[in-house]
Each structure stands twice: as C-alpha cells, then as structure tokens.
mmCIF file of all heavy atoms, coordinates in Angstrom:
data_MODEL
# 
_entry.id   MODEL 
# 
loop_
_atom_site.group_PDB 
_atom_site.id 
_atom_site.type_symbol 
_atom_site.label_atom_id 
_atom_site.label_alt_id 
_atom_site.label_comp_id 
_atom_site.label_asym_id 
_atom_site.label_entity_id 
_atom_site.label_seq_id 
_atom_site.pdbx_PDB_ins_code 
_atom_site.Cartn_x 
_atom_site.Cartn_y 
_atom_site.Cartn_z 
_atom_site.occupancy 
_atom_site.B_iso_or_equiv 
_atom_site.pdbx_formal_charge 
_atom_site.auth_seq_id 
_atom_site.auth_comp_id 
_atom_site.auth_asym_id 
_atom_site.auth_atom_id 
_atom_site.pdbx_PDB_model_num 
ATOM 1   N N   . LEU A 1 1  ? -27.592 69.063 -57.206 1.00 0.00 ? 1  LEU A N   1 
ATOM 2   C CA  . LEU A 1 1  ? -27.141 68.671 -55.880 1.00 0.00 ? 1  LEU A CA  1 
ATOM 3   C C   . LEU A 1 1  ? -27.444 69.783 -54.881 1.00 0.00 ? 1  LEU A C   1 
ATOM 4   O O   . LEU A 1 1  ? -27.191 70.962 -55.159 1.00 0.00 ? 1  LEU A O   1 
ATOM 5   C CB  . LEU A 1 1  ? -25.630 68.418 -55.915 1.00 0.00 ? 1  LEU A CB  1 
ATOM 6   C CG  . LEU A 1 1  ? -24.900 68.141 -54.606 1.00 0.00 ? 1  LEU A CG  1 
ATOM 7   C CD1 . LEU A 1 1  ? -25.385 66.842 -53.973 1.00 0.00 ? 1  LEU A CD1 1 
ATOM 8   C CD2 . LEU A 1 1  ? -23.390 68.083 -54.845 1.00 0.00 ? 1  LEU A CD2 1 
ATOM 9   N N   . ASP A 1 2  ? -27.985 69.400 -53.726 1.00 0.00 ? 2  ASP A N   1 
ATOM 10  C CA  . ASP A 1 2  ? -28.109 70.332 -52.609 1.00 0.00 ? 2  ASP A CA  1 
ATOM 11  C C   . ASP A 1 2  ? -26.744 70.440 -51.945 1.00 0.00 ? 2  ASP A C   1 
ATOM 12  O O   . ASP A 1 2  ? -26.350 69.553 -51.169 1.00 0.00 ? 2  ASP A O   1 
ATOM 13  C CB  . ASP A 1 2  ? -29.145 69.842 -51.591 1.00 0.00 ? 2  ASP A CB  1 
ATOM 14  C CG  . ASP A 1 2  ? -30.566 69.919 -52.114 1.00 0.00 ? 2  ASP A CG  1 
ATOM 15  O OD1 . ASP A 1 2  ? -30.837 70.796 -52.942 1.00 0.00 ? 2  ASP A OD1 1 
ATOM 16  O OD2 . ASP A 1 2  ? -31.397 69.095 -51.684 1.00 0.00 ? 2  ASP A OD2 1 
ATOM 17  N N   . VAL A 1 3  ? -26.018 71.513 -52.243 1.00 0.00 ? 3  VAL A N   1 
ATOM 18  C CA  . VAL A 1 3  ? -24.691 71.665 -51.637 1.00 0.00 ? 3  VAL A CA  1 
ATOM 19  C C   . VAL A 1 3  ? -24.804 72.157 -50.202 1.00 0.00 ? 3  VAL A C   1 
ATOM 20  O O   . VAL A 1 3  ? -23.929 71.896 -49.373 1.00 0.00 ? 3  VAL A O   1 
ATOM 21  C CB  . VAL A 1 3  ? -23.792 72.589 -52.478 1.00 0.00 ? 3  VAL A CB  1 
ATOM 22  C CG1 . VAL A 1 3  ? -23.583 71.999 -53.863 1.00 0.00 ? 3  VAL A CG1 1 
ATOM 23  C CG2 . VAL A 1 3  ? -24.361 73.991 -52.590 1.00 0.00 ? 3  VAL A CG2 1 
ATOM 24  N N   . VAL A 1 4  ? -25.873 72.888 -49.886 1.00 0.00 ? 4  VAL A N   1 
ATOM 25  C CA  . VAL A 1 4  ? -26.166 73.308 -48.515 1.00 0.00 ? 4  VAL A CA  1 
ATOM 26  C C   . VAL A 1 4  ? -27.648 73.050 -48.280 1.00 0.00 ? 4  VAL A C   1 
ATOM 27  O O   . VAL A 1 4  ? -28.492 73.443 -49.087 1.00 0.00 ? 4  VAL A O   1 
ATOM 28  C CB  . VAL A 1 4  ? -25.844 74.797 -48.286 1.00 0.00 ? 4  VAL A CB  1 
ATOM 29  C CG1 . VAL A 1 4  ? -26.224 75.206 -46.865 1.00 0.00 ? 4  VAL A CG1 1 
ATOM 30  C CG2 . VAL A 1 4  ? -24.361 75.085 -48.539 1.00 0.00 ? 4  VAL A CG2 1 
ATOM 31  N N   . ASN A 1 5  ? -27.952 72.413 -47.167 1.00 0.00 ? 5  ASN A N   1 
ATOM 32  C CA  . ASN A 1 5  ? -29.340 72.082 -46.844 1.00 0.00 ? 5  ASN A CA  1 
ATOM 33  C C   . ASN A 1 5  ? -29.737 72.727 -45.523 1.00 0.00 ? 5  ASN A C   1 
ATOM 34  O O   . ASN A 1 5  ? -29.046 72.574 -44.514 1.00 0.00 ? 5  ASN A O   1 
ATOM 35  C CB  . ASN A 1 5  ? -29.503 70.560 -46.734 1.00 0.00 ? 5  ASN A CB  1 
ATOM 36  C CG  . ASN A 1 5  ? -30.954 70.153 -46.616 1.00 0.00 ? 5  ASN A CG  1 
ATOM 37  O OD1 . ASN A 1 5  ? -31.788 70.549 -47.428 1.00 0.00 ? 5  ASN A OD1 1 
ATOM 38  N ND2 . ASN A 1 5  ? -31.276 69.354 -45.604 1.00 0.00 ? 5  ASN A ND2 1 
ATOM 39  N N   . GLU A 1 6  ? -30.828 73.475 -45.553 1.00 0.00 ? 6  GLU A N   1 
ATOM 40  C CA  . GLU A 1 6  ? -31.416 74.088 -44.363 1.00 0.00 ? 6  GLU A CA  1 
ATOM 41  C C   . GLU A 1 6  ? -30.386 74.871 -43.544 1.00 0.00 ? 6  GLU A C   1 
ATOM 42  O O   . GLU A 1 6  ? -30.123 74.559 -42.384 1.00 0.00 ? 6  GLU A O   1 
ATOM 43  C CB  . GLU A 1 6  ? -32.105 73.018 -43.514 1.00 0.00 ? 6  GLU A CB  1 
ATOM 44  C CG  . GLU A 1 6  ? -33.240 72.329 -44.267 1.00 0.00 ? 6  GLU A CG  1 
ATOM 45  C CD  . GLU A 1 6  ? -33.896 71.200 -43.477 1.00 0.00 ? 6  GLU A CD  1 
ATOM 46  O OE1 . GLU A 1 6  ? -33.519 70.986 -42.310 1.00 0.00 ? 6  GLU A OE1 1 
ATOM 47  O OE2 . GLU A 1 6  ? -34.777 70.525 -44.041 1.00 0.00 ? 6  GLU A OE2 1 
ATOM 48  N N   . PRO A 1 7  ? -29.801 75.903 -44.152 1.00 0.00 ? 7  PRO A N   1 
ATOM 49  C CA  . PRO A 1 7  ? -28.774 76.664 -43.428 1.00 0.00 ? 7  PRO A CA  1 
ATOM 50  C C   . PRO A 1 7  ? -29.311 77.502 -42.279 1.00 0.00 ? 7  PRO A C   1 
ATOM 51  O O   . PRO A 1 7  ? -28.572 77.803 -41.334 1.00 0.00 ? 7  PRO A O   1 
ATOM 52  C CB  . PRO A 1 7  ? -28.173 77.563 -44.514 1.00 0.00 ? 7  PRO A CB  1 
ATOM 53  C CG  . PRO A 1 7  ? -29.270 77.698 -45.532 1.00 0.00 ? 7  PRO A CG  1 
ATOM 54  C CD  . PRO A 1 7  ? -29.972 76.370 -45.540 1.00 0.00 ? 7  PRO A CD  1 
ATOM 55  N N   . PHE A 1 8  ? -30.597 77.898 -42.331 1.00 0.00 ? 8  PHE A N   1 
ATOM 56  C CA  . PHE A 1 8  ? -31.114 78.833 -41.330 1.00 0.00 ? 8  PHE A CA  1 
ATOM 57  C C   . PHE A 1 8  ? -31.693 78.113 -40.112 1.00 0.00 ? 8  PHE A C   1 
ATOM 58  O O   . PHE A 1 8  ? -31.967 76.913 -40.140 1.00 0.00 ? 8  PHE A O   1 
ATOM 59  C CB  . PHE A 1 8  ? -32.144 79.761 -41.963 1.00 0.00 ? 8  PHE A CB  1 
ATOM 60  C CG  . PHE A 1 8  ? -31.561 80.651 -43.023 1.00 0.00 ? 8  PHE A CG  1 
ATOM 61  C CD1 . PHE A 1 8  ? -32.005 80.591 -44.341 1.00 0.00 ? 8  PHE A CD1 1 
ATOM 62  C CD2 . PHE A 1 8  ? -30.536 81.545 -42.724 1.00 0.00 ? 8  PHE A CD2 1 
ATOM 63  C CE1 . PHE A 1 8  ? -31.460 81.395 -45.319 1.00 0.00 ? 8  PHE A CE1 1 
ATOM 64  C CE2 . PHE A 1 8  ? -29.985 82.359 -43.701 1.00 0.00 ? 8  PHE A CE2 1 
ATOM 65  C CZ  . PHE A 1 8  ? -30.439 82.281 -45.010 1.00 0.00 ? 8  PHE A CZ  1 
ATOM 66  N N   . ASP A 1 9  ? -31.901 78.887 -39.062 1.00 0.00 ? 9  ASP A N   1 
ATOM 67  C CA  . ASP A 1 9  ? -32.317 78.320 -37.780 1.00 0.00 ? 9  ASP A CA  1 
ATOM 68  C C   . ASP A 1 9  ? -33.662 77.605 -37.884 1.00 0.00 ? 9  ASP A C   1 
ATOM 69  O O   . ASP A 1 9  ? -34.428 77.788 -38.839 1.00 0.00 ? 9  ASP A O   1 
ATOM 70  C CB  . ASP A 1 9  ? -32.357 79.392 -36.693 1.00 0.00 ? 9  ASP A CB  1 
ATOM 71  C CG  . ASP A 1 9  ? -33.407 80.473 -36.972 1.00 0.00 ? 9  ASP A CG  1 
ATOM 72  O OD1 . ASP A 1 9  ? -34.598 80.145 -37.008 1.00 0.00 ? 9  ASP A OD1 1 
ATOM 73  O OD2 . ASP A 1 9  ? -33.016 81.642 -37.154 1.00 0.00 ? 9  ASP A OD2 1 
ATOM 74  N N   . LEU A 1 10 ? -33.955 76.811 -36.885 1.00 0.00 ? 10 LEU A N   1 
ATOM 75  C CA  . LEU A 1 10 ? -35.144 75.958 -36.899 1.00 0.00 ? 10 LEU A CA  1 
ATOM 76  C C   . LEU A 1 10 ? -36.417 76.695 -36.512 1.00 0.00 ? 10 LEU A C   1 
ATOM 77  O O   . LEU A 1 10 ? -37.502 76.121 -36.587 1.00 0.00 ? 10 LEU A O   1 
ATOM 78  C CB  . LEU A 1 10 ? -34.933 74.762 -35.960 1.00 0.00 ? 10 LEU A CB  1 
ATOM 79  C CG  . LEU A 1 10 ? -33.729 73.866 -36.278 1.00 0.00 ? 10 LEU A CG  1 
ATOM 80  C CD1 . LEU A 1 10 ? -33.630 72.742 -35.262 1.00 0.00 ? 10 LEU A CD1 1 
ATOM 81  C CD2 . LEU A 1 10 ? -33.824 73.308 -37.690 1.00 0.00 ? 10 LEU A CD2 1 
ATOM 82  N N   . ASP A 1 11 ? -36.300 77.949 -36.104 1.00 0.00 ? 11 ASP A N   1 
ATOM 83  C CA  . ASP A 1 11 ? -37.457 78.714 -35.656 1.00 0.00 ? 11 ASP A CA  1 
ATOM 84  C C   . ASP A 1 11 ? -37.974 79.671 -36.726 1.00 0.00 ? 11 ASP A C   1 
ATOM 85  O O   . ASP A 1 11 ? -38.598 80.688 -36.408 1.00 0.00 ? 11 ASP A O   1 
ATOM 86  C CB  . ASP A 1 11 ? -37.098 79.494 -34.386 1.00 0.00 ? 11 ASP A CB  1 
ATOM 87  C CG  . ASP A 1 11 ? -36.767 78.577 -33.227 1.00 0.00 ? 11 ASP A CG  1 
ATOM 88  O OD1 . ASP A 1 11 ? -37.415 77.524 -33.108 1.00 0.00 ? 11 ASP A OD1 1 
ATOM 89  O OD2 . ASP A 1 11 ? -35.843 78.893 -32.456 1.00 0.00 ? 11 ASP A OD2 1 
ATOM 90  N N   . GLN A 1 12 ? -37.682 79.343 -37.978 1.00 0.00 ? 12 GLN A N   1 
ATOM 91  C CA  . GLN A 1 12 ? -38.143 80.157 -39.115 1.00 0.00 ? 12 GLN A CA  1 
ATOM 92  C C   . GLN A 1 12 ? -37.559 81.566 -39.071 1.00 0.00 ? 12 GLN A C   1 
ATOM 93  O O   . GLN A 1 12 ? -38.166 82.516 -39.565 1.00 0.00 ? 12 GLN A O   1 
ATOM 94  C CB  . GLN A 1 12 ? -39.680 80.202 -39.163 1.00 0.00 ? 12 GLN A CB  1 
ATOM 95  C CG  . GLN A 1 12 ? -40.310 78.852 -39.408 1.00 0.00 ? 12 GLN A CG  1 
ATOM 96  C CD  . GLN A 1 12 ? -39.844 78.223 -40.715 1.00 0.00 ? 12 GLN A CD  1 
ATOM 97  O OE1 . GLN A 1 12 ? -39.990 78.795 -41.785 1.00 0.00 ? 12 GLN A OE1 1 
ATOM 98  N NE2 . GLN A 1 12 ? -39.261 77.037 -40.639 1.00 0.00 ? 12 GLN A NE2 1 
ATOM 99  N N   . GLY A 1 13 ? -36.364 81.688 -38.503 1.00 0.00 ? 13 GLY A N   1 
ATOM 100 C CA  . GLY A 1 13 ? -35.671 82.970 -38.483 1.00 0.00 ? 13 GLY A CA  1 
ATOM 101 C C   . GLY A 1 13 ? -34.703 83.102 -39.639 1.00 0.00 ? 13 GLY A C   1 
ATOM 102 O O   . GLY A 1 13 ? -34.793 82.402 -40.639 1.00 0.00 ? 13 GLY A O   1 
ATOM 103 N N   . THR A 1 14 ? -33.749 84.000 -39.472 1.00 0.00 ? 14 THR A N   1 
ATOM 104 C CA  . THR A 1 14 ? -32.814 84.293 -40.569 1.00 0.00 ? 14 THR A CA  1 
ATOM 105 C C   . THR A 1 14 ? -31.360 84.126 -40.143 1.00 0.00 ? 14 THR A C   1 
ATOM 106 O O   . THR A 1 14 ? -30.453 84.519 -40.878 1.00 0.00 ? 14 THR A O   1 
ATOM 107 C CB  . THR A 1 14 ? -33.028 85.723 -41.075 1.00 0.00 ? 14 THR A CB  1 
ATOM 108 O OG1 . THR A 1 14 ? -32.813 86.651 -40.003 1.00 0.00 ? 14 THR A OG1 1 
ATOM 109 C CG2 . THR A 1 14 ? -34.439 85.897 -41.625 1.00 0.00 ? 14 THR A CG2 1 
ATOM 110 N N   . SER A 1 15 ? -31.125 83.551 -38.978 1.00 0.00 ? 15 SER A N   1 
ATOM 111 C CA  . SER A 1 15 ? -29.755 83.320 -38.517 1.00 0.00 ? 15 SER A CA  1 
ATOM 112 C C   . SER A 1 15 ? -29.276 81.958 -38.988 1.00 0.00 ? 15 SER A C   1 
ATOM 113 O O   . SER A 1 15 ? -30.033 80.983 -39.008 1.00 0.00 ? 15 SER A O   1 
ATOM 114 C CB  . SER A 1 15 ? -29.689 83.368 -36.985 1.00 0.00 ? 15 SER A CB  1 
ATOM 115 O OG  . SER A 1 15 ? -30.104 84.629 -36.498 1.00 0.00 ? 15 SER A OG  1 
ATOM 116 N N   . LEU A 1 16 ? -28.000 81.879 -39.353 1.00 0.00 ? 16 LEU A N   1 
ATOM 117 C CA  . LEU A 1 16 ? -27.429 80.605 -39.769 1.00 0.00 ? 16 LEU A CA  1 
ATOM 118 C C   . LEU A 1 16 ? -27.300 79.668 -38.576 1.00 0.00 ? 16 LEU A C   1 
ATOM 119 O O   . LEU A 1 16 ? -26.941 80.088 -37.470 1.00 0.00 ? 16 LEU A O   1 
ATOM 120 C CB  . LEU A 1 16 ? -26.048 80.813 -40.392 1.00 0.00 ? 16 LEU A CB  1 
ATOM 121 C CG  . LEU A 1 16 ? -25.987 81.519 -41.746 1.00 0.00 ? 16 LEU A CG  1 
ATOM 122 C CD1 . LEU A 1 16 ? -24.540 81.760 -42.149 1.00 0.00 ? 16 LEU A CD1 1 
ATOM 123 C CD2 . LEU A 1 16 ? -26.704 80.707 -42.814 1.00 0.00 ? 16 LEU A CD2 1 
ATOM 124 N N   . GLN A 1 17 ? -27.588 78.395 -38.804 1.00 0.00 ? 17 GLN A N   1 
ATOM 125 C CA  . GLN A 1 17 ? -27.314 77.399 -37.783 1.00 0.00 ? 17 GLN A CA  1 
ATOM 126 C C   . GLN A 1 17 ? -25.795 77.262 -37.629 1.00 0.00 ? 17 GLN A C   1 
ATOM 127 O O   . GLN A 1 17 ? -25.075 77.143 -38.616 1.00 0.00 ? 17 GLN A O   1 
ATOM 128 C CB  . GLN A 1 17 ? -27.904 76.044 -38.161 1.00 0.00 ? 17 GLN A CB  1 
ATOM 129 C CG  . GLN A 1 17 ? -29.419 76.027 -38.227 1.00 0.00 ? 17 GLN A CG  1 
ATOM 130 C CD  . GLN A 1 17 ? -29.954 74.619 -38.301 1.00 0.00 ? 17 GLN A CD  1 
ATOM 131 O OE1 . GLN A 1 17 ? -29.746 73.814 -37.402 1.00 0.00 ? 17 GLN A OE1 1 
ATOM 132 N NE2 . GLN A 1 17 ? -30.664 74.311 -39.384 1.00 0.00 ? 17 GLN A NE2 1 
ATOM 133 N N   . GLU A 1 18 ? -25.347 77.248 -36.400 1.00 0.00 ? 18 GLU A N   1 
ATOM 134 C CA  . GLU A 1 18 ? -23.900 77.152 -36.155 1.00 0.00 ? 18 GLU A CA  1 
ATOM 135 C C   . GLU A 1 18 ? -23.496 75.677 -36.046 1.00 0.00 ? 18 GLU A C   1 
ATOM 136 O O   . GLU A 1 18 ? -23.121 75.170 -34.991 1.00 0.00 ? 18 GLU A O   1 
ATOM 137 C CB  . GLU A 1 18 ? -23.517 77.956 -34.913 1.00 0.00 ? 18 GLU A CB  1 
ATOM 138 C CG  . GLU A 1 18 ? -23.786 79.451 -35.101 1.00 0.00 ? 18 GLU A CG  1 
ATOM 139 C CD  . GLU A 1 18 ? -23.286 80.304 -33.952 1.00 0.00 ? 18 GLU A CD  1 
ATOM 140 O OE1 . GLU A 1 18 ? -22.511 79.789 -33.118 1.00 0.00 ? 18 GLU A OE1 1 
ATOM 141 O OE2 . GLU A 1 18 ? -23.685 81.484 -33.885 1.00 0.00 ? 18 GLU A OE2 1 
ATOM 142 N N   . ASN A 1 19 ? -23.578 75.003 -37.192 1.00 0.00 ? 19 ASN A N   1 
ATOM 143 C CA  . ASN A 1 19 ? -23.275 73.581 -37.259 1.00 0.00 ? 19 ASN A CA  1 
ATOM 144 C C   . ASN A 1 19 ? -21.772 73.357 -37.452 1.00 0.00 ? 19 ASN A C   1 
ATOM 145 O O   . ASN A 1 19 ? -20.967 74.298 -37.382 1.00 0.00 ? 19 ASN A O   1 
ATOM 146 C CB  . ASN A 1 19 ? -24.084 72.929 -38.382 1.00 0.00 ? 19 ASN A CB  1 
ATOM 147 C CG  . ASN A 1 19 ? -23.818 73.573 -39.741 1.00 0.00 ? 19 ASN A CG  1 
ATOM 148 O OD1 . ASN A 1 19 ? -22.755 74.167 -39.974 1.00 0.00 ? 19 ASN A OD1 1 
ATOM 149 N ND2 . ASN A 1 19 ? -24.767 73.474 -40.642 1.00 0.00 ? 19 ASN A ND2 1 
ATOM 150 N N   . THR A 1 20 ? -21.391 72.111 -37.706 1.00 0.00 ? 20 THR A N   1 
ATOM 151 C CA  . THR A 1 20 ? -19.978 71.788 -37.882 1.00 0.00 ? 20 THR A CA  1 
ATOM 152 C C   . THR A 1 20 ? -19.348 72.602 -39.004 1.00 0.00 ? 20 THR A C   1 
ATOM 153 O O   . THR A 1 20 ? -18.223 73.109 -38.862 1.00 0.00 ? 20 THR A O   1 
ATOM 154 C CB  . THR A 1 20 ? -19.820 70.289 -38.161 1.00 0.00 ? 20 THR A CB  1 
ATOM 155 O OG1 . THR A 1 20 ? -20.232 69.550 -37.002 1.00 0.00 ? 20 THR A OG1 1 
ATOM 156 C CG2 . THR A 1 20 ? -18.375 69.940 -38.481 1.00 0.00 ? 20 THR A CG2 1 
ATOM 157 N N   . TRP A 1 21 ? -20.031 72.735 -40.117 1.00 0.00 ? 21 TRP A N   1 
ATOM 158 C CA  . TRP A 1 21 ? -19.488 73.467 -41.253 1.00 0.00 ? 21 TRP A CA  1 
ATOM 159 C C   . TRP A 1 21 ? -19.273 74.932 -40.891 1.00 0.00 ? 21 TRP A C   1 
ATOM 160 O O   . TRP A 1 21 ? -18.260 75.541 -41.273 1.00 0.00 ? 21 TRP A O   1 
ATOM 161 C CB  . TRP A 1 21 ? -20.423 73.337 -42.459 1.00 0.00 ? 21 TRP A CB  1 
ATOM 162 C CG  . TRP A 1 21 ? -20.588 71.927 -42.918 1.00 0.00 ? 21 TRP A CG  1 
ATOM 163 C CD1 . TRP A 1 21 ? -21.465 70.992 -42.419 1.00 0.00 ? 21 TRP A CD1 1 
ATOM 164 C CD2 . TRP A 1 21 ? -19.835 71.258 -43.925 1.00 0.00 ? 21 TRP A CD2 1 
ATOM 165 N NE1 . TRP A 1 21 ? -21.319 69.800 -43.076 1.00 0.00 ? 21 TRP A NE1 1 
ATOM 166 C CE2 . TRP A 1 21 ? -20.334 69.927 -44.004 1.00 0.00 ? 21 TRP A CE2 1 
ATOM 167 C CE3 . TRP A 1 21 ? -18.811 71.650 -44.790 1.00 0.00 ? 21 TRP A CE3 1 
ATOM 168 C CZ2 . TRP A 1 21 ? -19.815 68.997 -44.903 1.00 0.00 ? 21 TRP A CZ2 1 
ATOM 169 C CZ3 . TRP A 1 21 ? -18.300 70.730 -45.687 1.00 0.00 ? 21 TRP A CZ3 1 
ATOM 170 C CH2 . TRP A 1 21 ? -18.799 69.409 -45.742 1.00 0.00 ? 21 TRP A CH2 1 
ATOM 171 N N   . TYR A 1 22 ? -20.205 75.507 -40.164 1.00 0.00 ? 22 TYR A N   1 
ATOM 172 C CA  . TYR A 1 22 ? -20.091 76.892 -39.698 1.00 0.00 ? 22 TYR A CA  1 
ATOM 173 C C   . TYR A 1 22 ? -18.920 77.025 -38.730 1.00 0.00 ? 22 TYR A C   1 
ATOM 174 O O   . TYR A 1 22 ? -18.113 77.963 -38.825 1.00 0.00 ? 22 TYR A O   1 
ATOM 175 C CB  . TYR A 1 22 ? -21.403 77.300 -39.030 1.00 0.00 ? 22 TYR A CB  1 
ATOM 176 C CG  . TYR A 1 22 ? -21.479 78.732 -38.543 1.00 0.00 ? 22 TYR A CG  1 
ATOM 177 C CD1 . TYR A 1 22 ? -22.210 79.686 -39.239 1.00 0.00 ? 22 TYR A CD1 1 
ATOM 178 C CD2 . TYR A 1 22 ? -20.840 79.127 -37.357 1.00 0.00 ? 22 TYR A CD2 1 
ATOM 179 C CE1 . TYR A 1 22 ? -22.301 80.996 -38.779 1.00 0.00 ? 22 TYR A CE1 1 
ATOM 180 C CE2 . TYR A 1 22 ? -20.923 80.421 -36.896 1.00 0.00 ? 22 TYR A CE2 1 
ATOM 181 C CZ  . TYR A 1 22 ? -21.654 81.356 -37.611 1.00 0.00 ? 22 TYR A CZ  1 
ATOM 182 O OH  . TYR A 1 22 ? -21.738 82.651 -37.164 1.00 0.00 ? 22 TYR A OH  1 
ATOM 183 N N   . ARG A 1 23 ? -18.806 76.104 -37.775 1.00 0.00 ? 23 ARG A N   1 
ATOM 184 C CA  . ARG A 1 23 ? -17.743 76.200 -36.776 1.00 0.00 ? 23 ARG A CA  1 
ATOM 185 C C   . ARG A 1 23 ? -16.358 76.067 -37.402 1.00 0.00 ? 23 ARG A C   1 
ATOM 186 O O   . ARG A 1 23 ? -15.398 76.701 -36.954 1.00 0.00 ? 23 ARG A O   1 
ATOM 187 C CB  . ARG A 1 23 ? -17.931 75.112 -35.710 1.00 0.00 ? 23 ARG A CB  1 
ATOM 188 C CG  . ARG A 1 23 ? -19.128 75.337 -34.806 1.00 0.00 ? 23 ARG A CG  1 
ATOM 189 C CD  . ARG A 1 23 ? -19.145 74.356 -33.643 1.00 0.00 ? 23 ARG A CD  1 
ATOM 190 N NE  . ARG A 1 23 ? -19.342 72.970 -34.065 1.00 0.00 ? 23 ARG A NE  1 
ATOM 191 C CZ  . ARG A 1 23 ? -18.376 72.062 -34.115 1.00 0.00 ? 23 ARG A CZ  1 
ATOM 192 N NH1 . ARG A 1 23 ? -17.126 72.380 -33.783 1.00 0.00 ? 23 ARG A NH1 1 
ATOM 193 N NH2 . ARG A 1 23 ? -18.642 70.815 -34.489 1.00 0.00 ? 23 ARG A NH2 1 
ATOM 194 N N   . VAL A 1 24 ? -16.253 75.258 -38.452 1.00 0.00 ? 24 VAL A N   1 
ATOM 195 C CA  . VAL A 1 24 ? -14.948 75.027 -39.073 1.00 0.00 ? 24 VAL A CA  1 
ATOM 196 C C   . VAL A 1 24 ? -14.573 76.141 -40.050 1.00 0.00 ? 24 VAL A C   1 
ATOM 197 O O   . VAL A 1 24 ? -13.441 76.635 -40.048 1.00 0.00 ? 24 VAL A O   1 
ATOM 198 C CB  . VAL A 1 24 ? -14.929 73.661 -39.781 1.00 0.00 ? 24 VAL A CB  1 
ATOM 199 C CG1 . VAL A 1 24 ? -13.654 73.491 -40.615 1.00 0.00 ? 24 VAL A CG1 1 
ATOM 200 C CG2 . VAL A 1 24 ? -15.043 72.530 -38.758 1.00 0.00 ? 24 VAL A CG2 1 
ATOM 201 N N   . PHE A 1 25 ? -15.519 76.557 -40.893 1.00 0.00 ? 25 PHE A N   1 
ATOM 202 C CA  . PHE A 1 25 ? -15.211 77.501 -41.975 1.00 0.00 ? 25 PHE A CA  1 
ATOM 203 C C   . PHE A 1 25 ? -15.744 78.911 -41.737 1.00 0.00 ? 25 PHE A C   1 
ATOM 204 O O   . PHE A 1 25 ? -15.410 79.823 -42.488 1.00 0.00 ? 25 PHE A O   1 
ATOM 205 C CB  . PHE A 1 25 ? -15.766 76.981 -43.300 1.00 0.00 ? 25 PHE A CB  1 
ATOM 206 C CG  . PHE A 1 25 ? -15.130 75.700 -43.769 1.00 0.00 ? 25 PHE A CG  1 
ATOM 207 C CD1 . PHE A 1 25 ? -15.866 74.524 -43.849 1.00 0.00 ? 25 PHE A CD1 1 
ATOM 208 C CD2 . PHE A 1 25 ? -13.799 75.674 -44.139 1.00 0.00 ? 25 PHE A CD2 1 
ATOM 209 C CE1 . PHE A 1 25 ? -15.287 73.348 -44.291 1.00 0.00 ? 25 PHE A CE1 1 
ATOM 210 C CE2 . PHE A 1 25 ? -13.208 74.490 -44.579 1.00 0.00 ? 25 PHE A CE2 1 
ATOM 211 C CZ  . PHE A 1 25 ? -13.956 73.320 -44.654 1.00 0.00 ? 25 PHE A CZ  1 
ATOM 212 N N   . GLY A 1 26 ? -16.606 79.089 -40.737 1.00 0.00 ? 26 GLY A N   1 
ATOM 213 C CA  . GLY A 1 26 ? -17.167 80.399 -40.488 1.00 0.00 ? 26 GLY A CA  1 
ATOM 214 C C   . GLY A 1 26 ? -18.473 80.614 -41.227 1.00 0.00 ? 26 GLY A C   1 
ATOM 215 O O   . GLY A 1 26 ? -18.969 79.737 -41.947 1.00 0.00 ? 26 GLY A O   1 
ATOM 216 N N   . PRO A 1 27 ? -19.068 81.810 -41.078 1.00 0.00 ? 27 PRO A N   1 
ATOM 217 C CA  . PRO A 1 27 ? -20.397 82.066 -41.643 1.00 0.00 ? 27 PRO A CA  1 
ATOM 218 C C   . PRO A 1 27 ? -20.447 82.035 -43.165 1.00 0.00 ? 27 PRO A C   1 
ATOM 219 O O   . PRO A 1 27 ? -21.548 81.935 -43.724 1.00 0.00 ? 27 PRO A O   1 
ATOM 220 C CB  . PRO A 1 27 ? -20.748 83.460 -41.097 1.00 0.00 ? 27 PRO A CB  1 
ATOM 221 C CG  . PRO A 1 27 ? -19.438 84.076 -40.751 1.00 0.00 ? 27 PRO A CG  1 
ATOM 222 C CD  . PRO A 1 27 ? -18.558 82.957 -40.301 1.00 0.00 ? 27 PRO A CD  1 
ATOM 223 N N   . ASP A 1 28 ? -19.326 82.126 -43.835 1.00 0.00 ? 28 ASP A N   1 
ATOM 224 C CA  . ASP A 1 28 ? -19.322 82.033 -45.295 1.00 0.00 ? 28 ASP A CA  1 
ATOM 225 C C   . ASP A 1 28 ? -19.015 80.610 -45.777 1.00 0.00 ? 28 ASP A C   1 
ATOM 226 O O   . ASP A 1 28 ? -18.562 80.409 -46.906 1.00 0.00 ? 28 ASP A O   1 
ATOM 227 C CB  . ASP A 1 28 ? -18.310 83.020 -45.887 1.00 0.00 ? 28 ASP A CB  1 
ATOM 228 C CG  . ASP A 1 28 ? -18.788 84.463 -45.793 1.00 0.00 ? 28 ASP A CG  1 
ATOM 229 O OD1 . ASP A 1 28 ? -20.001 84.699 -45.994 1.00 0.00 ? 28 ASP A OD1 1 
ATOM 230 O OD2 . ASP A 1 28 ? -17.962 85.348 -45.509 1.00 0.00 ? 28 ASP A OD2 1 
# 
C-alpha cells in the first residue's frame, strides 16, 4: 500500500507539500 503518495513539491524540490495531512498533523 502507498501510505503516502508524492509528499514533495511539484517542482522537483525537497520541500513537503503542505496538504491537508500536513496542515492537520504537521510535517511528521
């Protein structure tokens, strides 16, 4: 199972996308 899909930004960088899961639970 893909428990996390495409966590990083769309510009091929290394920053996490600040999606709903990030906003609710934080960067971890």
